[in-house]
PDB file of N, CA and C in Angstrom:
ATOM      1  N   MET A   1     -20.122 -91.465   6.913  1.00  0.00           N
ATOM      2  CA  MET A   1     -19.273 -90.695   7.917  1.00  0.00           C
ATOM      3  C   MET A   1     -17.994 -90.169   7.262  1.00  0.00           C
ATOM      4  N   ALA A   2     -17.363 -90.803   6.319  1.00  0.00           N
ATOM      5  CA  ALA A   2     -16.053 -90.371   5.741  1.00  0.00           C
ATOM      6  C   ALA A   2     -16.423 -89.160   4.912  1.00  0.00           C
ATOM      7  N   THR A   3     -17.540 -89.193   4.159  1.00  0.00           N
ATOM      8  CA  THR A   3     -17.910 -87.938   3.333  1.00  0.00           C
ATOM      9  C   THR A   3     -18.133 -86.873   4.284  1.00  0.00           C
ATOM     10  N   ALA A   4     -18.798 -87.020   5.289  1.00  0.00           N
ATOM     11  CA  ALA A   4     -19.045 -85.844   6.267  1.00  0.00           C
ATOM     12  C   ALA A   4     -17.848 -85.339   6.779  1.00  0.00           C
ATOM     13  N   ASN A   5     -16.854 -86.141   7.158  1.00  0.00           N
ATOM     14  CA  ASN A   5     -15.588 -85.576   7.708  1.00  0.00           C
ATOM     15  C   ASN A   5     -14.719 -84.931   6.632  1.00  0.00           C
ATOM     16  N   ASN A   6     -14.882 -85.422   5.320  1.00  0.00           N
ATOM     17  CA  ASN A   6     -14.214 -84.823   4.288  1.00  0.00           C
ATOM     18  C   ASN A   6     -14.771 -83.347   4.001  1.00  0.00           C
ATOM     19  N   LEU A   7     -16.152 -83.261   4.043  1.00  0.00           N
ATOM     20  CA  LEU A   7     -16.796 -81.932   3.867  1.00  0.00           C
ATOM     21  C   LEU A   7     -16.418 -80.987   4.981  1.00  0.00           C
ATOM     22  N   ASN A   8     -16.493 -81.478   6.153  1.00  0.00           N
ATOM     23  CA  ASN A   8     -15.989 -80.614   7.304  1.00  0.00           C
ATOM     24  C   ASN A   8     -14.597 -80.286   7.133  1.00  0.00           C
ATOM     25  N   ALA A   9     -13.745 -81.062   6.751  1.00  0.00           N
ATOM     26  CA  ALA A   9     -12.302 -80.734   6.576  1.00  0.00           C
ATOM     27  C   ALA A   9     -12.144 -79.702   5.474  1.00  0.00           C
ATOM     28  N   GLU A  10     -12.952 -79.952   4.366  1.00  0.00           N
ATOM     29  CA  GLU A  10     -12.766 -78.955   3.279  1.00  0.00           C
ATOM     30  C   GLU A  10     -13.390 -77.709   3.591  1.00  0.00           C
ATOM     31  N   THR A  11     -14.428 -77.607   4.414  1.00  0.00           N
ATOM     32  CA  THR A  11     -15.032 -76.366   4.857  1.00  0.00           C
ATOM     33  C   THR A  11     -14.139 -75.611   5.720  1.00  0.00           C
ATOM     34  N   LEU A  12     -13.512 -76.387   6.674  1.00  0.00           N
ATOM     35  CA  LEU A  12     -12.542 -75.783   7.702  1.00  0.00           C
ATOM     36  C   LEU A  12     -11.414 -75.203   6.852  1.00  0.00           C
ATOM     37  N   TYR A  13     -10.881 -75.909   5.803  1.00  0.00           N
ATOM     38  CA  TYR A  13      -9.802 -75.427   4.999  1.00  0.00           C
ATOM     39  C   TYR A  13     -10.158 -74.177   4.380  1.00  0.00           C
ATOM     40  N   LYS A  14     -11.287 -74.032   3.795  1.00  0.00           N
ATOM     41  CA  LYS A  14     -11.641 -72.891   3.059  1.00  0.00           C
ATOM     42  C   LYS A  14     -11.902 -71.757   4.003  1.00  0.00           C
ATOM     43  N   VAL A  15     -12.488 -72.002   5.313  1.00  0.00           N
ATOM     44  CA  VAL A  15     -12.526 -70.948   6.263  1.00  0.00           C
ATOM     45  C   VAL A  15     -11.117 -70.453   6.657  1.00  0.00           C
ATOM     46  N   ALA A  16     -10.329 -71.395   6.900  1.00  0.00           N
ATOM     47  CA  ALA A  16      -8.914 -71.084   7.351  1.00  0.00           C
ATOM     48  C   ALA A  16      -8.182 -70.271   6.235  1.00  0.00           C
ATOM     49  N   ASN A  17      -8.332 -70.794   5.017  1.00  0.00           N
ATOM     50  CA  ASN A  17      -7.702 -70.091   3.858  1.00  0.00           C
ATOM     51  C   ASN A  17      -8.138 -68.683   3.724  1.00  0.00           C
ATOM     52  N   ALA A  18      -9.514 -68.467   3.817  1.00  0.00           N
ATOM     53  CA  ALA A  18     -10.158 -67.237   3.672  1.00  0.00           C
ATOM     54  C   ALA A  18      -9.740 -66.304   4.888  1.00  0.00           C
ATOM     55  N   THR A  19      -9.657 -66.788   6.021  1.00  0.00           N
ATOM     56  CA  THR A  19      -9.247 -66.033   7.178  1.00  0.00           C
ATOM     57  C   THR A  19      -7.849 -65.648   7.048  1.00  0.00           C
ATOM     58  N   TYR A  20      -6.916 -66.656   6.648  1.00  0.00           N
ATOM     59  CA  TYR A  20      -5.558 -66.272   6.420  1.00  0.00           C
ATOM     60  C   TYR A  20      -5.327 -65.122   5.304  1.00  0.00           C
ATOM     61  N   LYS A  21      -6.129 -65.272   4.208  1.00  0.00           N
ATOM     62  CA  LYS A  21      -6.001 -64.121   3.237  1.00  0.00           C
ATOM     63  C   LYS A  21      -6.571 -62.783   3.720  1.00  0.00           C
ATOM     64  N   PHE A  22      -7.587 -62.837   4.553  1.00  0.00           N
ATOM     65  CA  PHE A  22      -8.091 -61.622   5.109  1.00  0.00           C
ATOM     66  C   PHE A  22      -7.064 -61.044   5.960  1.00  0.00           C
ATOM     67  N   VAL A  23      -6.595 -61.818   6.922  1.00  0.00           N
ATOM     68  CA  VAL A  23      -5.581 -61.326   7.860  1.00  0.00           C
ATOM     69  C   VAL A  23      -4.334 -60.739   7.149  1.00  0.00           C
ATOM     70  N   LYS A  24      -3.888 -61.437   6.113  1.00  0.00           N
ATOM     71  CA  LYS A  24      -2.747 -61.071   5.269  1.00  0.00           C
ATOM     72  C   LYS A  24      -3.047 -59.748   4.732  1.00  0.00           C
ATOM     73  N   GLY A  25      -4.230 -59.519   4.204  1.00  0.00           N
ATOM     74  CA  GLY A  25      -4.652 -58.252   3.495  1.00  0.00           C
ATOM     75  C   GLY A  25      -4.721 -57.106   4.636  1.00  0.00           C
ATOM     76  N   GLN A  26      -5.227 -57.494   5.719  1.00  0.00           N
ATOM     77  CA  GLN A  26      -5.262 -56.601   6.821  1.00  0.00           C
ATOM     78  C   GLN A  26      -3.865 -56.126   7.276  1.00  0.00           C
ATOM     79  N   ASN A  27      -2.987 -57.179   7.261  1.00  0.00           N
ATOM     80  CA  ASN A  27      -1.557 -56.783   7.659  1.00  0.00           C
ATOM     81  C   ASN A  27      -1.030 -55.825   6.711  1.00  0.00           C
ATOM     82  N   ARG A  28      -1.269 -56.099   5.341  1.00  0.00           N
ATOM     83  CA  ARG A  28      -0.748 -55.102   4.334  1.00  0.00           C
ATOM     84  C   ARG A  28      -1.465 -53.795   4.563  1.00  0.00           C
ATOM     85  N   LEU A  29      -2.646 -53.622   4.726  1.00  0.00           N
ATOM     86  CA  LEU A  29      -3.328 -52.447   4.993  1.00  0.00           C
ATOM     87  C   LEU A  29      -2.686 -51.710   6.228  1.00  0.00           C
ATOM     88  N   ASN A  30      -2.553 -52.504   7.231  1.00  0.00           N
ATOM     89  CA  ASN A  30      -2.083 -51.928   8.588  1.00  0.00           C
ATOM     90  C   ASN A  30      -0.700 -51.383   8.335  1.00  0.00           C
ATOM     91  N   THR A  31       0.106 -52.030   7.505  1.00  0.00           N
ATOM     92  CA  THR A  31       1.500 -51.606   7.089  1.00  0.00           C
ATOM     93  C   THR A  31       1.426 -50.328   6.358  1.00  0.00           C
ATOM     94  N   VAL A  32       0.570 -50.269   5.328  1.00  0.00           N
ATOM     95  CA  VAL A  32       0.473 -49.142   4.612  1.00  0.00           C
ATOM     96  C   VAL A  32       0.070 -47.841   5.514  1.00  0.00           C
ATOM     97  N   ILE A  33      -0.873 -48.121   6.355  1.00  0.00           N
ATOM     98  CA  ILE A  33      -1.385 -47.067   7.244  1.00  0.00           C
ATOM     99  C   ILE A  33      -0.318 -46.580   8.259  1.00  0.00           C
ATOM    100  N   TRP A  34       0.500 -47.531   8.734  1.00  0.00           N
ATOM    101  CA  TRP A  34       1.526 -47.170   9.619  1.00  0.00           C
ATOM    102  C   TRP A  34       2.619 -46.324   8.924  1.00  0.00           C
ATOM    103  N   LEU A  35       2.873 -46.870   7.748  1.00  0.00           N
ATOM    104  CA  LEU A  35       3.995 -46.098   6.911  1.00  0.00           C
ATOM    105  C   LEU A  35       3.553 -44.714   6.604  1.00  0.00           C
ATOM    106  N   SER A  36       2.196 -44.644   6.333  1.00  0.00           N
ATOM    107  CA  SER A  36       1.691 -43.218   6.043  1.00  0.00           C
ATOM    108  C   SER A  36       1.803 -42.431   7.250  1.00  0.00           C
ATOM    109  N   LEU A  37       1.392 -42.900   8.416  1.00  0.00           N
ATOM    110  CA  LEU A  37       1.510 -42.167   9.640  1.00  0.00           C
ATOM    111  C   LEU A  37       2.907 -41.712  10.018  1.00  0.00           C
ATOM    112  N   VAL A  38       3.866 -42.614   9.726  1.00  0.00           N
ATOM    113  CA  VAL A  38       5.241 -42.367   9.995  1.00  0.00           C
ATOM    114  C   VAL A  38       5.720 -41.248   9.138  1.00  0.00           C
ATOM    115  N   GLY A  39       5.409 -41.386   7.911  1.00  0.00           N
ATOM    116  CA  GLY A  39       5.799 -40.435   6.870  1.00  0.00           C
ATOM    117  C   GLY A  39       5.192 -38.990   7.205  1.00  0.00           C
ATOM    118  N   SER A  40       3.917 -39.071   7.604  1.00  0.00           N
ATOM    119  CA  SER A  40       3.339 -37.771   8.050  1.00  0.00           C
ATOM    120  C   SER A  40       3.944 -37.140   9.205  1.00  0.00           C
ATOM    121  N   LEU A  41       4.295 -37.985  10.130  1.00  0.00           N
ATOM    122  CA  LEU A  41       4.959 -37.483  11.395  1.00  0.00           C
ATOM    123  C   LEU A  41       6.366 -36.967  11.046  1.00  0.00           C
ATOM    124  N   MET A  42       7.046 -37.533  10.197  1.00  0.00           N
ATOM    125  CA  MET A  42       8.356 -37.081   9.708  1.00  0.00           C
ATOM    126  C   MET A  42       8.192 -35.757   9.006  1.00  0.00           C
ATOM    127  N   LEU A  43       7.243 -35.495   8.225  1.00  0.00           N
ATOM    128  CA  LEU A  43       6.971 -34.214   7.521  1.00  0.00           C
ATOM    129  C   LEU A  43       6.648 -33.246   8.616  1.00  0.00           C
ATOM    130  N   ILE A  44       5.827 -33.577   9.528  1.00  0.00           N
ATOM    131  CA  ILE A  44       5.397 -32.538  10.644  1.00  0.00           C
ATOM    132  C   ILE A  44       6.647 -32.113  11.350  1.00  0.00           C
ATOM    133  N   ASP A  45       7.424 -33.134  11.715  1.00  0.00           N
ATOM    134  CA  ASP A  45       8.781 -32.872  12.344  1.00  0.00           C
ATOM    135  C   ASP A  45       9.672 -31.869  11.598  1.00  0.00           C
ATOM    136  N   MET A  46       9.814 -32.242  10.282  1.00  0.00           N
ATOM    137  CA  MET A  46      10.567 -31.400   9.435  1.00  0.00           C
ATOM    138  C   MET A  46      10.064 -30.007   9.306  1.00  0.00           C
ATOM    139  N   ASN A  47       8.716 -29.804   9.303  1.00  0.00           N
ATOM    140  CA  ASN A  47       8.145 -28.594   9.136  1.00  0.00           C
ATOM    141  C   ASN A  47       8.313 -27.755  10.517  1.00  0.00           C
ATOM    142  N   HIS A  48       8.210 -28.621  11.596  1.00  0.00           N
ATOM    143  CA  HIS A  48       8.435 -27.889  12.912  1.00  0.00           C
ATOM    144  C   HIS A  48       9.866 -27.313  12.948  1.00  0.00           C
ATOM    145  N   LYS A  49      10.836 -28.148  12.589  1.00  0.00           N
ATOM    146  CA  LYS A  49      12.234 -27.675  12.551  1.00  0.00           C
ATOM    147  C   LYS A  49      12.428 -26.508  11.708  1.00  0.00           C
ATOM    148  N   ALA A  50      11.743 -26.434  10.509  1.00  0.00           N
ATOM    149  CA  ALA A  50      11.936 -25.379   9.600  1.00  0.00           C
ATOM    150  C   ALA A  50      11.333 -24.036  10.274  1.00  0.00           C
ATOM    151  N   ILE A  51      10.155 -24.225  10.813  1.00  0.00           N
ATOM    152  CA  ILE A  51       9.585 -23.145  11.571  1.00  0.00           C
ATOM    153  C   ILE A  51      10.456 -22.482  12.680  1.00  0.00           C
ATOM    154  N   GLU A  52      11.087 -23.503  13.424  1.00  0.00           N
ATOM    155  CA  GLU A  52      12.009 -22.955  14.465  1.00  0.00           C
ATOM    156  C   GLU A  52      13.195 -22.238  13.917  1.00  0.00           C
ATOM    157  N   ASN A  53      13.781 -22.773  12.773  1.00  0.00           N
ATOM    158  CA  ASN A  53      14.861 -22.067  12.003  1.00  0.00           C
ATOM    159  C   ASN A  53      14.421 -20.728  11.631  1.00  0.00           C
ATOM    160  N   LEU A  54      13.176 -20.573  11.129  1.00  0.00           N
ATOM    161  CA  LEU A  54      12.730 -19.231  10.577  1.00  0.00           C
ATOM    162  C   LEU A  54      12.529 -18.297  11.703  1.00  0.00           C
ATOM    163  N   ARG A  55      12.004 -18.782  12.883  1.00  0.00           N
ATOM    164  CA  ARG A  55      11.899 -18.011  14.006  1.00  0.00           C
ATOM    165  C   ARG A  55      13.334 -17.360  14.495  1.00  0.00           C
ATOM    166  N   ALA A  56      14.171 -18.374  14.540  1.00  0.00           N
ATOM    167  CA  ALA A  56      15.571 -17.887  14.955  1.00  0.00           C
ATOM    168  C   ALA A  56      16.065 -16.792  13.846  1.00  0.00           C
ATOM    169  N   GLN A  57      15.982 -17.099  12.638  1.00  0.00           N
ATOM    170  CA  GLN A  57      16.334 -16.065  11.675  1.00  0.00           C
ATOM    171  C   GLN A  57      15.802 -14.728  11.782  1.00  0.00           C
ATOM    172  N   ASN A  58      14.393 -14.852  12.116  1.00  0.00           N
ATOM    173  CA  ASN A  58      13.597 -13.570  12.307  1.00  0.00           C
ATOM    174  C   ASN A  58      14.198 -12.778  13.522  1.00  0.00           C
ATOM    175  N   LEU A  59      14.553 -13.500  14.590  1.00  0.00           N
ATOM    176  CA  LEU A  59      15.087 -12.964  15.771  1.00  0.00           C
ATOM    177  C   LEU A  59      16.387 -12.261  15.509  1.00  0.00           C
ATOM    178  N   ILE A  60      17.251 -12.981  14.743  1.00  0.00           N
ATOM    179  CA  ILE A  60      18.547 -12.377  14.311  1.00  0.00           C
ATOM    180  C   ILE A  60      18.396 -11.046  13.482  1.00  0.00           C
ATOM    181  N   LEU A  61      17.432 -11.162  12.454  1.00  0.00           N
ATOM    182  CA  LEU A  61      17.074  -9.897  11.738  1.00  0.00           C
ATOM    183  C   LEU A  61      16.617  -8.880  12.451  1.00  0.00           C
ATOM    184  N   ALA A  62      15.726  -9.168  13.491  1.00  0.00           N
ATOM    185  CA  ALA A  62      15.234  -8.115  14.206  1.00  0.00           C
ATOM    186  C   ALA A  62      16.182  -7.383  15.073  1.00  0.00           C
ATOM    187  N   LYS A  63      17.147  -8.113  15.592  1.00  0.00           N
ATOM    188  CA  LYS A  63      18.274  -7.505  16.299  1.00  0.00           C
ATOM    189  C   LYS A  63      19.149  -6.599  15.512  1.00  0.00           C
ATOM    190  N   GLU A  64      19.413  -7.216  14.166  1.00  0.00           N
ATOM    191  CA  GLU A  64      20.207  -6.360  13.381  1.00  0.00           C
ATOM    192  C   GLU A  64      19.553  -5.063  12.883  1.00  0.00           C
ATOM    193  N   ILE A  65      18.180  -5.205  12.701  1.00  0.00           N
ATOM    194  CA  ILE A  65      17.391  -3.934  12.371  1.00  0.00           C
ATOM    195  C   ILE A  65      17.436  -3.021  13.554  1.00  0.00           C
ATOM    196  N   ASP A  66      17.306  -3.568  14.806  1.00  0.00           N
ATOM    197  CA  ASP A  66      17.506  -2.659  15.925  1.00  0.00           C
ATOM    198  C   ASP A  66      18.726  -1.878  16.091  1.00  0.00           C
ATOM    199  N   LYS A  67      19.826  -2.694  15.764  1.00  0.00           N
ATOM    200  CA  LYS A  67      21.205  -2.028  15.702  1.00  0.00           C
ATOM    201  C   LYS A  67      21.319  -1.024  14.614  1.00  0.00           C
ATOM    202  N   LEU A  68      20.783  -1.218  13.510  1.00  0.00           N
ATOM    203  CA  LEU A  68      20.748  -0.249  12.409  1.00  0.00           C
ATOM    204  C   LEU A  68      20.055   1.048  12.820  1.00  0.00           C
ATOM    205  N   LYS A  69      18.797   0.751  13.525  1.00  0.00           N
ATOM    206  CA  LYS A  69      18.067   1.946  13.851  1.00  0.00           C
ATOM    207  C   LYS A  69      18.848   2.812  14.868  1.00  0.00           C
ATOM    208  N   LEU A  70      19.482   2.045  15.870  1.00  0.00           N
ATOM    209  CA  LEU A  70      20.248   2.801  16.879  1.00  0.00           C
ATOM    210  C   LEU A  70      21.450   3.643  16.261  1.00  0.00           C
ATOM    211  N   ASN A  71      22.036   2.989  15.239  1.00  0.00           N
ATOM    212  CA  ASN A  71      23.122   3.787  14.476  1.00  0.00           C
ATOM    213  C   ASN A  71      22.652   4.906  13.756  1.00  0.00           C
ATOM    214  N   GLU A  72      21.479   4.781  13.153  1.00  0.00           N
ATOM    215  CA  GLU A  72      20.863   5.816  12.461  1.00  0.00           C
ATOM    216  C   GLU A  72      20.438   7.022  13.410  1.00  0.00           C
ATOM    217  N   ASN A  73      19.799   6.605  14.469  1.00  0.00           N
ATOM    218  CA  ASN A  73      19.432   7.673  15.477  1.00  0.00           C
ATOM    219  C   ASN A  73      20.675   8.347  16.110  1.00  0.00           C
ATOM    220  N   ALA A  74      21.747   7.627  16.258  1.00  0.00           N
ATOM    221  CA  ALA A  74      22.920   8.241  16.789  1.00  0.00           C
ATOM    222  C   ALA A  74      23.534   9.224  15.759  1.00  0.00           C
ATOM    223  N   GLU A  75      23.521   8.764  14.470  1.00  0.00           N
ATOM    224  CA  GLU A  75      24.033   9.683  13.495  1.00  0.00           C
ATOM    225  C   GLU A  75      23.269  11.008  13.366  1.00  0.00           C
ATOM    226  N   GLU A  76      21.893  10.842  13.442  1.00  0.00           N
ATOM    227  CA  GLU A  76      20.965  11.977  13.413  1.00  0.00           C
ATOM    228  C   GLU A  76      21.367  12.961  14.434  1.00  0.00           C
ATOM    229  N   THR A  77      21.590  12.511  15.827  1.00  0.00           N
ATOM    230  CA  THR A  77      21.763  13.346  16.903  1.00  0.00           C
ATOM    231  C   THR A  77      23.181  13.984  16.808  1.00  0.00           C
ATOM    232  N   GLU A  78      24.115  13.405  16.026  1.00  0.00           N
ATOM    233  CA  GLU A  78      25.388  14.029  15.900  1.00  0.00           C
ATOM    234  C   GLU A  78      25.340  15.221  15.045  1.00  0.00           C
ATOM    235  N   MET A  79      24.441  15.246  14.138  1.00  0.00           N
ATOM    236  CA  MET A  79      24.255  16.270  13.178  1.00  0.00           C
ATOM    237  C   MET A  79      23.632  17.440  13.912  1.00  0.00           C
TER     238      MET A  79
END
């Protein structure tokens, strides 16, 4: 009976140890996946802000071009 209990205890230990190692590995994998996702979201956010800045700059340039065209047309009419 004692030998059977020792075998059961040893088997339970091995299963518990293997499960612990598996879960630990999964936690590392999950951490890597989450960090990758967070990094990707940060890059997407930075790109989104960069696109917004470019749109704002394009709008400013378009307004300046319109002003120059108006001045050019006004000068042509004066002649």
